[in-house]
Amino acid sequence: MAIRMPRTIQARQILKRSHSNGSSNAASTEIPKGYFAVYVGEQEKKRYVVSVSLLSEPTFQELLHQAEEQYGYSHPMGGLTIPCSEDVFTDLASRLAAF
């Protein structure tokens, strides 16, 4: 019998938000193995550290395609920038974590 965790707890496990204030110290640039950083937001970009398992999800691949169309390979934040609102991104990560 499987125990289902609430969606918000699952989302926190797959979506580890870290605040990047532009500093280059080890704490702001350290990313655990199996994760990568993305910047999300329409006006103010927030930095999220997400599991590489999201790369195989079709909905996340669509966001990557949108990022490629909008930014090409020159992302304004110096890292992977996802062109959607923070709410849309966290909702997507929550739904993907539920599976």
PDB file of N, CA and C in Angstrom:
ATOM      1  N   MET A   1       0.837  -1.180   0.000  1.00  0.00           N
ATOM      2  CA  MET A   1       0.000   0.000   0.000  1.00  0.00           C
ATOM      3  C   MET A   1       0.880   1.241   0.000  1.00  0.00           C
ATOM      4  N   ALA A   2       0.683   2.090  -0.970  1.00  0.00           N
ATOM      5  CA  ALA A   2       1.488   3.299  -1.103  1.00  0.00           C
ATOM      6  C   ALA A   2       0.879   4.431  -0.285  1.00  0.00           C
ATOM      7  N   ILE A   3       1.728   5.219   0.296  1.00  0.00           N
ATOM      8  CA  ILE A   3       1.297   6.400   1.039  1.00  0.00           C
ATOM      9  C   ILE A   3       1.488   7.597   0.128  1.00  0.00           C
ATOM     10  N   ARG A   4       0.409   8.313  -0.136  1.00  0.00           N
ATOM     11  CA  ARG A   4       0.488   9.486  -0.997  1.00  0.00           C
ATOM     12  C   ARG A   4       0.733  10.722  -0.143  1.00  0.00           C
ATOM     13  N   MET A   5       1.721  11.484  -0.548  1.00  0.00           N
ATOM     14  CA  MET A   5       2.047  12.712   0.158  1.00  0.00           C
ATOM     15  C   MET A   5       1.280  13.862  -0.486  1.00  0.00           C
ATOM     16  N   PRO A   6       0.958  14.871   0.278  1.00  0.00           N
ATOM     17  CA  PRO A   6       0.292  16.037  -0.310  1.00  0.00           C
ATOM     18  C   PRO A   6       1.138  16.619  -1.440  1.00  0.00           C
ATOM     19  N   ARG A   7       0.464  17.197  -2.435  1.00  0.00           N
ATOM     20  CA  ARG A   7       1.141  17.719  -3.609  1.00  0.00           C
ATOM     21  C   ARG A   7       2.202  18.755  -3.261  1.00  0.00           C
ATOM     22  N   THR A   8       1.940  19.590  -2.275  1.00  0.00           N
ATOM     23  CA  THR A   8       2.911  20.634  -1.957  1.00  0.00           C
ATOM     24  C   THR A   8       4.201  20.051  -1.410  1.00  0.00           C
ATOM     25  N   ILE A   9       4.109  18.989  -0.645  1.00  0.00           N
ATOM     26  CA  ILE A   9       5.319  18.348  -0.117  1.00  0.00           C
ATOM     27  C   ILE A   9       6.088  17.705  -1.257  1.00  0.00           C
ATOM     28  N   GLN A  10       5.377  17.026  -2.174  1.00  0.00           N
ATOM     29  CA  GLN A  10       6.040  16.421  -3.315  1.00  0.00           C
ATOM     30  C   GLN A  10       6.694  17.483  -4.183  1.00  0.00           C
ATOM     31  N   ALA A  11       6.003  18.591  -4.366  1.00  0.00           N
ATOM     32  CA  ALA A  11       6.564  19.670  -5.184  1.00  0.00           C
ATOM     33  C   ALA A  11       7.835  20.215  -4.552  1.00  0.00           C
ATOM     34  N   ARG A  12       7.860  20.319  -3.249  1.00  0.00           N
ATOM     35  CA  ARG A  12       9.061  20.812  -2.578  1.00  0.00           C
ATOM     36  C   ARG A  12      10.229  19.859  -2.765  1.00  0.00           C
ATOM     37  N   GLN A  13       9.937  18.575  -2.860  1.00  0.00           N
ATOM     38  CA  GLN A  13      11.016  17.614  -3.059  1.00  0.00           C
ATOM     39  C   GLN A  13      11.618  17.719  -4.448  1.00  0.00           C
ATOM     40  N   ILE A  14      10.779  17.948  -5.463  1.00  0.00           N
ATOM     41  CA  ILE A  14      11.284  18.011  -6.826  1.00  0.00           C
ATOM     42  C   ILE A  14      11.716  19.414  -7.221  1.00  0.00           C
ATOM     43  N   LEU A  15      11.179  20.403  -6.546  1.00  0.00           N
ATOM     44  CA  LEU A  15      11.419  21.793  -6.903  1.00  0.00           C
ATOM     45  C   LEU A  15      12.033  22.505  -5.714  1.00  0.00           C
ATOM     46  N   LYS A  16      13.324  22.643  -5.706  1.00  0.00           N
ATOM     47  CA  LYS A  16      14.015  23.290  -4.596  1.00  0.00           C
ATOM     48  C   LYS A  16      14.346  24.715  -5.010  1.00  0.00           C
ATOM     49  N   ARG A  17      13.621  25.639  -4.421  1.00  0.00           N
ATOM     50  CA  ARG A  17      13.805  27.047  -4.777  1.00  0.00           C
ATOM     51  C   ARG A  17      14.959  27.620  -3.981  1.00  0.00           C
ATOM     52  N   SER A  18      15.832  28.291  -4.694  1.00  0.00           N
ATOM     53  CA  SER A  18      16.900  29.006  -4.009  1.00  0.00           C
ATOM     54  C   SER A  18      16.937  30.422  -4.548  1.00  0.00           C
ATOM     55  N   HIS A  19      17.171  31.349  -3.702  1.00  0.00           N
ATOM     56  CA  HIS A  19      17.215  32.746  -4.115  1.00  0.00           C
ATOM     57  C   HIS A  19      18.618  33.069  -4.585  1.00  0.00           C
ATOM     58  N   SER A  20      18.683  33.631  -5.756  1.00  0.00           N
ATOM     59  CA  SER A  20      19.961  34.061  -6.303  1.00  0.00           C
ATOM     60  C   SER A  20      19.974  35.583  -6.331  1.00  0.00           C
ATOM     61  N   ASN A  21      20.904  36.154  -5.626  1.00  0.00           N
ATOM     62  CA  ASN A  21      20.968  37.616  -5.594  1.00  0.00           C
ATOM     63  C   ASN A  21      22.121  38.138  -6.430  1.00  0.00           C
ATOM     64  N   GLY A  22      22.604  37.286  -7.339  1.00  0.00           N
ATOM     65  CA  GLY A  22      23.679  37.728  -8.213  1.00  0.00           C
ATOM     66  C   GLY A  22      25.058  37.511  -7.627  1.00  0.00           C
ATOM     67  N   SER A  23      25.165  37.104  -6.387  1.00  0.00           N
ATOM     68  CA  SER A  23      26.481  36.864  -5.807  1.00  0.00           C
ATOM     69  C   SER A  23      27.041  35.567  -6.349  1.00  0.00           C
ATOM     70  N   SER A  24      28.337  35.442  -6.352  1.00  0.00           N
ATOM     71  CA  SER A  24      28.956  34.250  -6.919  1.00  0.00           C
ATOM     72  C   SER A  24      29.566  33.366  -5.838  1.00  0.00           C
ATOM     73  N   ASN A  25      29.043  33.445  -4.617  1.00  0.00           N
ATOM     74  CA  ASN A  25      29.579  32.600  -3.569  1.00  0.00           C
ATOM     75  C   ASN A  25      29.125  31.163  -3.779  1.00  0.00           C
ATOM     76  N   ALA A  26      29.756  30.234  -3.102  1.00  0.00           N
ATOM     77  CA  ALA A  26      29.490  28.807  -3.311  1.00  0.00           C
ATOM     78  C   ALA A  26      28.048  28.436  -2.988  1.00  0.00           C
ATOM     79  N   ALA A  27      27.448  29.076  -2.008  1.00  0.00           N
ATOM     80  CA  ALA A  27      26.075  28.731  -1.626  1.00  0.00           C
ATOM     81  C   ALA A  27      25.073  29.041  -2.730  1.00  0.00           C
ATOM     82  N   SER A  28      25.287  30.107  -3.484  1.00  0.00           N
ATOM     83  CA  SER A  28      24.324  30.466  -4.516  1.00  0.00           C
ATOM     84  C   SER A  28      24.565  29.724  -5.824  1.00  0.00           C
ATOM     85  N   THR A  29      25.736  29.133  -6.022  1.00  0.00           N
ATOM     86  CA  THR A  29      26.022  28.450  -7.271  1.00  0.00           C
ATOM     87  C   THR A  29      26.066  26.941  -7.128  1.00  0.00           C
ATOM     88  N   GLU A  30      26.001  26.427  -5.917  1.00  0.00           N
ATOM     89  CA  GLU A  30      26.086  24.995  -5.692  1.00  0.00           C
ATOM     90  C   GLU A  30      24.771  24.323  -6.069  1.00  0.00           C
ATOM     91  N   ILE A  31      24.866  23.334  -6.942  1.00  0.00           N
ATOM     92  CA  ILE A  31      23.685  22.584  -7.371  1.00  0.00           C
ATOM     93  C   ILE A  31      23.980  21.109  -7.155  1.00  0.00           C
ATOM     94  N   PRO A  32      23.096  20.390  -6.460  1.00  0.00           N
ATOM     95  CA  PRO A  32      23.345  18.971  -6.199  1.00  0.00           C
ATOM     96  C   PRO A  32      23.361  18.161  -7.491  1.00  0.00           C
ATOM     97  N   LYS A  33      24.071  17.067  -7.454  1.00  0.00           N
ATOM     98  CA  LYS A  33      24.115  16.157  -8.595  1.00  0.00           C
ATOM     99  C   LYS A  33      22.691  15.681  -8.901  1.00  0.00           C
ATOM    100  N   GLY A  34      22.341  15.659 -10.186  1.00  0.00           N
ATOM    101  CA  GLY A  34      21.006  15.238 -10.589  1.00  0.00           C
ATOM    102  C   GLY A  34      20.009  16.376 -10.656  1.00  0.00           C
ATOM    103  N   TYR A  35      20.454  17.603 -10.496  1.00  0.00           N
ATOM    104  CA  TYR A  35      19.599  18.788 -10.539  1.00  0.00           C
ATOM    105  C   TYR A  35      20.221  19.836 -11.444  1.00  0.00           C
ATOM    106  N   PHE A  36      19.428  20.804 -11.871  1.00  0.00           N
ATOM    107  CA  PHE A  36      19.948  21.929 -12.628  1.00  0.00           C
ATOM    108  C   PHE A  36      19.127  23.168 -12.289  1.00  0.00           C
ATOM    109  N   ALA A  37      19.700  24.332 -12.559  1.00  0.00           N
ATOM    110  CA  ALA A  37      19.043  25.598 -12.221  1.00  0.00           C
ATOM    111  C   ALA A  37      18.310  26.164 -13.426  1.00  0.00           C
ATOM    112  N   VAL A  38      17.139  26.728 -13.161  1.00  0.00           N
ATOM    113  CA  VAL A  38      16.385  27.460 -14.174  1.00  0.00           C
ATOM    114  C   VAL A  38      15.929  28.771 -13.562  1.00  0.00           C
ATOM    115  N   TYR A  39      15.750  29.767 -14.416  1.00  0.00           N
ATOM    116  CA  TYR A  39      15.230  31.060 -13.986  1.00  0.00           C
ATOM    117  C   TYR A  39      13.830  31.204 -14.562  1.00  0.00           C
ATOM    118  N   VAL A  40      12.882  31.577 -13.714  1.00  0.00           N
ATOM    119  CA  VAL A  40      11.473  31.610 -14.090  1.00  0.00           C
ATOM    120  C   VAL A  40      10.863  32.932 -13.650  1.00  0.00           C
ATOM    121  N   GLY A  41       9.986  33.478 -14.467  1.00  0.00           N
ATOM    122  CA  GLY A  41       9.259  34.684 -14.103  1.00  0.00           C
ATOM    123  C   GLY A  41       9.104  35.597 -15.291  1.00  0.00           C
ATOM    124  N   GLU A  42       8.082  36.418 -15.222  1.00  0.00           N
ATOM    125  CA  GLU A  42       7.826  37.344 -16.321  1.00  0.00           C
ATOM    126  C   GLU A  42       8.607  38.643 -16.150  1.00  0.00           C
ATOM    127  N   GLN A  43       8.544  39.244 -14.985  1.00  0.00           N
ATOM    128  CA  GLN A  43       9.280  40.479 -14.720  1.00  0.00           C
ATOM    129  C   GLN A  43      10.565  40.156 -13.956  1.00  0.00           C
ATOM    130  N   GLU A  44      10.386  39.786 -12.709  1.00  0.00           N
ATOM    131  CA  GLU A  44      11.524  39.433 -11.858  1.00  0.00           C
ATOM    132  C   GLU A  44      11.757  37.931 -11.974  1.00  0.00           C
ATOM    133  N   LYS A  45      12.957  37.539 -12.332  1.00  0.00           N
ATOM    134  CA  LYS A  45      13.283  36.121 -12.501  1.00  0.00           C
ATOM    135  C   LYS A  45      13.701  35.520 -11.159  1.00  0.00           C
ATOM    136  N   LYS A  46      13.127  34.367 -10.847  1.00  0.00           N
ATOM    137  CA  LYS A  46      13.480  33.623  -9.638  1.00  0.00           C
ATOM    138  C   LYS A  46      14.243  32.383 -10.050  1.00  0.00           C
ATOM    139  N   ARG A  47      15.200  32.007  -9.241  1.00  0.00           N
ATOM    140  CA  ARG A  47      16.026  30.834  -9.532  1.00  0.00           C
ATOM    141  C   ARG A  47      15.447  29.616  -8.824  1.00  0.00           C
ATOM    142  N   TYR A  48      15.264  28.534  -9.592  1.00  0.00           N
ATOM    143  CA  TYR A  48      14.804  27.261  -9.055  1.00  0.00           C
ATOM    144  C   TYR A  48      15.825  26.191  -9.400  1.00  0.00           C
ATOM    145  N   VAL A  49      16.004  25.257  -8.504  1.00  0.00           N
ATOM    146  CA  VAL A  49      16.851  24.096  -8.758  1.00  0.00           C
ATOM    147  C   VAL A  49      15.914  22.910  -8.877  1.00  0.00           C
ATOM    148  N   VAL A  50      15.893  22.282 -10.051  1.00  0.00           N
ATOM    149  CA  VAL A  50      14.936  21.218 -10.339  1.00  0.00           C
ATOM    150  C   VAL A  50      15.657  19.931 -10.703  1.00  0.00           C
ATOM    151  N   SER A  51      14.962  18.835 -10.533  1.00  0.00           N
ATOM    152  CA  SER A  51      15.503  17.519 -10.848  1.00  0.00           C
ATOM    153  C   SER A  51      15.630  17.332 -12.356  1.00  0.00           C
ATOM    154  N   VAL A  52      16.669  16.632 -12.785  1.00  0.00           N
ATOM    155  CA  VAL A  52      16.836  16.347 -14.210  1.00  0.00           C
ATOM    156  C   VAL A  52      15.729  15.428 -14.721  1.00  0.00           C
ATOM    157  N   SER A  53      14.989  14.780 -13.830  1.00  0.00           N
ATOM    158  CA  SER A  53      13.882  13.924 -14.261  1.00  0.00           C
ATOM    159  C   SER A  53      12.810  14.714 -15.006  1.00  0.00           C
ATOM    160  N   LEU A  54      12.739  16.032 -14.778  1.00  0.00           N
ATOM    161  CA  LEU A  54      11.781  16.869 -15.496  1.00  0.00           C
ATOM    162  C   LEU A  54      12.087  16.943 -16.995  1.00  0.00           C
ATOM    163  N   LEU A  55      13.330  16.693 -17.364  1.00  0.00           N
ATOM    164  CA  LEU A  55      13.711  16.798 -18.771  1.00  0.00           C
ATOM    165  C   LEU A  55      12.990  15.797 -19.657  1.00  0.00           C
ATOM    166  N   SER A  56      12.539  14.700 -19.093  1.00  0.00           N
ATOM    167  CA  SER A  56      11.844  13.684 -19.894  1.00  0.00           C
ATOM    168  C   SER A  56      10.340  13.924 -19.973  1.00  0.00           C
ATOM    169  N   GLU A  57       9.832  14.923 -19.279  1.00  0.00           N
ATOM    170  CA  GLU A  57       8.397  15.215 -19.270  1.00  0.00           C
ATOM    171  C   GLU A  57       8.013  16.078 -20.469  1.00  0.00           C
ATOM    172  N   PRO A  58       7.003  15.650 -21.254  1.00  0.00           N
ATOM    173  CA  PRO A  58       6.597  16.414 -22.442  1.00  0.00           C
ATOM    174  C   PRO A  58       6.207  17.859 -22.150  1.00  0.00           C
ATOM    175  N   THR A  59       5.551  18.114 -21.031  1.00  0.00           N
ATOM    176  CA  THR A  59       5.146  19.487 -20.728  1.00  0.00           C
ATOM    177  C   THR A  59       6.358  20.373 -20.432  1.00  0.00           C
ATOM    178  N   PHE A  60       7.355  19.806 -19.775  1.00  0.00           N
ATOM    179  CA  PHE A  60       8.577  20.574 -19.506  1.00  0.00           C
ATOM    180  C   PHE A  60       9.362  20.770 -20.803  1.00  0.00           C
ATOM    181  N   GLN A  61       9.352  19.767 -21.669  1.00  0.00           N
ATOM    182  CA  GLN A  61      10.017  19.900 -22.966  1.00  0.00           C
ATOM    183  C   GLN A  61       9.391  21.013 -23.791  1.00  0.00           C
ATOM    184  N   GLU A  62       8.069  21.191 -23.662  1.00  0.00           N
ATOM    185  CA  GLU A  62       7.405  22.288 -24.359  1.00  0.00           C
ATOM    186  C   GLU A  62       7.895  23.642 -23.826  1.00  0.00           C
ATOM    187  N   LEU A  63       8.080  23.748 -22.518  1.00  0.00           N
ATOM    188  CA  LEU A  63       8.632  24.992 -21.955  1.00  0.00           C
ATOM    189  C   LEU A  63      10.039  25.244 -22.481  1.00  0.00           C
ATOM    190  N   LEU A  64      10.837  24.178 -22.616  1.00  0.00           N
ATOM    191  CA  LEU A  64      12.192  24.325 -23.159  1.00  0.00           C
ATOM    192  C   LEU A  64      12.143  24.790 -24.614  1.00  0.00           C
ATOM    193  N   HIS A  65      11.177  24.283 -25.367  1.00  0.00           N
ATOM    194  CA  HIS A  65      11.026  24.705 -26.755  1.00  0.00           C
ATOM    195  C   HIS A  65      10.648  26.191 -26.817  1.00  0.00           C
ATOM    196  N   GLN A  66       9.766  26.632 -25.934  1.00  0.00           N
ATOM    197  CA  GLN A  66       9.387  28.044 -25.878  1.00  0.00           C
ATOM    198  C   GLN A  66      10.594  28.913 -25.512  1.00  0.00           C
ATOM    199  N   ALA A  67      11.426  28.416 -24.590  1.00  0.00           N
ATOM    200  CA  ALA A  67      12.627  29.155 -24.201  1.00  0.00           C
ATOM    201  C   ALA A  67      13.577  29.280 -25.387  1.00  0.00           C
ATOM    202  N   GLU A  68      13.710  28.210 -26.159  1.00  0.00           N
ATOM    203  CA  GLU A  68      14.574  28.240 -27.333  1.00  0.00           C
ATOM    204  C   GLU A  68      14.060  29.259 -28.358  1.00  0.00           C
ATOM    205  N   GLU A  69      12.746  29.279 -28.572  1.00  0.00           N
ATOM    206  CA  GLU A  69      12.161  30.229 -29.523  1.00  0.00           C
ATOM    207  C   GLU A  69      12.340  31.672 -29.068  1.00  0.00           C
ATOM    208  N   GLN A  70      12.173  31.916 -27.780  1.00  0.00           N
ATOM    209  CA  GLN A  70      12.235  33.285 -27.273  1.00  0.00           C
ATOM    210  C   GLN A  70      13.660  33.786 -27.105  1.00  0.00           C
ATOM    211  N   TYR A  71      14.541  32.953 -26.559  1.00  0.00           N
ATOM    212  CA  TYR A  71      15.889  33.405 -26.210  1.00  0.00           C
ATOM    213  C   TYR A  71      16.985  32.830 -27.087  1.00  0.00           C
ATOM    214  N   GLY A  72      16.709  31.782 -27.846  1.00  0.00           N
ATOM    215  CA  GLY A  72      17.777  31.107 -28.582  1.00  0.00           C
ATOM    216  C   GLY A  72      18.734  30.499 -27.578  1.00  0.00           C
ATOM    217  N   TYR A  73      20.003  30.694 -27.808  1.00  0.00           N
ATOM    218  CA  TYR A  73      20.994  30.159 -26.864  1.00  0.00           C
ATOM    219  C   TYR A  73      21.650  31.257 -26.045  1.00  0.00           C
ATOM    220  N   SER A  74      21.095  32.444 -26.101  1.00  0.00           N
ATOM    221  CA  SER A  74      21.600  33.570 -25.331  1.00  0.00           C
ATOM    222  C   SER A  74      20.564  33.951 -24.287  1.00  0.00           C
ATOM    223  N   HIS A  75      20.640  33.323 -23.125  1.00  0.00           N
ATOM    224  CA  HIS A  75      19.668  33.583 -22.074  1.00  0.00           C
ATOM    225  C   HIS A  75      20.091  34.799 -21.260  1.00  0.00           C
ATOM    226  N   PRO A  76      19.155  35.697 -20.965  1.00  0.00           N
ATOM    227  CA  PRO A  76      19.489  36.955 -20.284  1.00  0.00           C
ATOM    228  C   PRO A  76      20.070  36.772 -18.883  1.00  0.00           C
ATOM    229  N   MET A  77      19.739  35.681 -18.210  1.00  0.00           N
ATOM    230  CA  MET A  77      20.222  35.472 -16.843  1.00  0.00           C
ATOM    231  C   MET A  77      21.543  34.700 -16.816  1.00  0.00           C
ATOM    232  N   GLY A  78      22.035  34.305 -17.976  1.00  0.00           N
ATOM    233  CA  GLY A  78      23.273  33.539 -18.020  1.00  0.00           C
ATOM    234  C   GLY A  78      23.049  32.055 -17.808  1.00  0.00           C
ATOM    235  N   GLY A  79      21.830  31.659 -17.544  1.00  0.00           N
ATOM    236  CA  GLY A  79      21.464  30.260 -17.354  1.00  0.00           C
ATOM    237  C   GLY A  79      20.183  29.996 -18.116  1.00  0.00           C
ATOM    238  N   LEU A  80      19.615  28.854 -17.931  1.00  0.00           N
ATOM    239  CA  LEU A  80      18.387  28.486 -18.625  1.00  0.00           C
ATOM    240  C   LEU A  80      17.227  29.307 -18.077  1.00  0.00           C
ATOM    241  N   THR A  81      16.595  30.095 -18.944  1.00  0.00           N
ATOM    242  CA  THR A  81      15.476  30.947 -18.556  1.00  0.00           C
ATOM    243  C   THR A  81      14.204  30.400 -19.178  1.00  0.00           C
ATOM    244  N   ILE A  82      13.195  30.150 -18.354  1.00  0.00           N
ATOM    245  CA  ILE A  82      11.917  29.624 -18.803  1.00  0.00           C
ATOM    246  C   ILE A  82      10.936  30.791 -18.930  1.00  0.00           C
ATOM    247  N   PRO A  83      10.368  31.008 -20.134  1.00  0.00           N
ATOM    248  CA  PRO A  83       9.484  32.159 -20.349  1.00  0.00           C
ATOM    249  C   PRO A  83       8.044  31.895 -19.930  1.00  0.00           C
ATOM    250  N   CYS A  84       7.799  31.836 -18.637  1.00  0.00           N
ATOM    251  CA  CYS A  84       6.432  31.700 -18.133  1.00  0.00           C
ATOM    252  C   CYS A  84       6.382  32.309 -16.735  1.00  0.00           C
ATOM    253  N   SER A  85       5.175  32.442 -16.221  1.00  0.00           N
ATOM    254  CA  SER A  85       5.050  33.012 -14.884  1.00  0.00           C
ATOM    255  C   SER A  85       5.500  31.995 -13.837  1.00  0.00           C
ATOM    256  N   GLU A  86       5.866  32.516 -12.694  1.00  0.00           N
ATOM    257  CA  GLU A  86       6.300  31.656 -11.594  1.00  0.00           C
ATOM    258  C   GLU A  86       5.173  30.721 -11.152  1.00  0.00           C
ATOM    259  N   ASP A  87       3.930  31.218 -11.140  1.00  0.00           N
ATOM    260  CA  ASP A  87       2.781  30.404 -10.749  1.00  0.00           C
ATOM    261  C   ASP A  87       2.570  29.223 -11.695  1.00  0.00           C
ATOM    262  N   VAL A  88       2.685  29.465 -12.992  1.00  0.00           N
ATOM    263  CA  VAL A  88       2.528  28.399 -13.979  1.00  0.00           C
ATOM    264  C   VAL A  88       3.606  27.338 -13.781  1.00  0.00           C
ATOM    265  N   PHE A  89       4.836  27.783 -13.568  1.00  0.00           N
ATOM    266  CA  PHE A  89       5.947  26.849 -13.396  1.00  0.00           C
ATOM    267  C   PHE A  89       5.791  25.998 -12.136  1.00  0.00           C
ATOM    268  N   THR A  90       5.442  26.625 -11.023  1.00  0.00           N
ATOM    269  CA  THR A  90       5.292  25.852  -9.784  1.00  0.00           C
ATOM    270  C   THR A  90       4.101  24.908  -9.858  1.00  0.00           C
ATOM    271  N   ASP A  91       3.029  25.332 -10.553  1.00  0.00           N
ATOM    272  CA  ASP A  91       1.888  24.440 -10.742  1.00  0.00           C
ATOM    273  C   ASP A  91       2.291  23.228 -11.578  1.00  0.00           C
ATOM    274  N   LEU A  92       3.033  23.462 -12.648  1.00  0.00           N
ATOM    275  CA  LEU A  92       3.510  22.379 -13.500  1.00  0.00           C
ATOM    276  C   LEU A  92       4.384  21.411 -12.707  1.00  0.00           C
ATOM    277  N   ALA A  93       5.314  21.953 -11.938  1.00  0.00           N
ATOM    278  CA  ALA A  93       6.206  21.098 -11.143  1.00  0.00           C
ATOM    279  C   ALA A  93       5.409  20.299 -10.109  1.00  0.00           C
ATOM    280  N   SER A  94       4.388  20.900  -9.549  1.00  0.00           N
ATOM    281  CA  SER A  94       3.542  20.184  -8.575  1.00  0.00           C
ATOM    282  C   SER A  94       2.797  19.026  -9.225  1.00  0.00           C
ATOM    283  N   ARG A  95       2.258  19.280 -10.432  1.00  0.00           N
ATOM    284  CA  ARG A  95       1.525  18.211 -11.126  1.00  0.00           C
ATOM    285  C   ARG A  95       2.464  17.096 -11.545  1.00  0.00           C
ATOM    286  N   LEU A  96       3.654  17.429 -11.991  1.00  0.00           N
ATOM    287  CA  LEU A  96       4.608  16.398 -12.402  1.00  0.00           C
ATOM    288  C   LEU A  96       5.107  15.602 -11.209  1.00  0.00           C
ATOM    289  N   ALA A  97       5.188  16.239 -10.054  1.00  0.00           N
ATOM    290  CA  ALA A  97       5.642  15.554  -8.849  1.00  0.00           C
ATOM    291  C   ALA A  97       4.587  14.572  -8.334  1.00  0.00           C
ATOM    292  N   ALA A  98       3.341  14.779  -8.722  1.00  0.00           N
ATOM    293  CA  ALA A  98       2.253  13.934  -8.242  1.00  0.00           C
ATOM    294  C   ALA A  98       2.271  12.563  -8.898  1.00  0.00           C
ATOM    295  N   PHE A  99       3.007  12.414  -9.998  1.00  0.00           N
ATOM    296  CA  PHE A  99       3.016  11.137 -10.708  1.00  0.00           C
ATOM    297  C   PHE A  99       4.152  10.260 -10.293  1.00  0.00           C
TER     298      PHE A  99
END
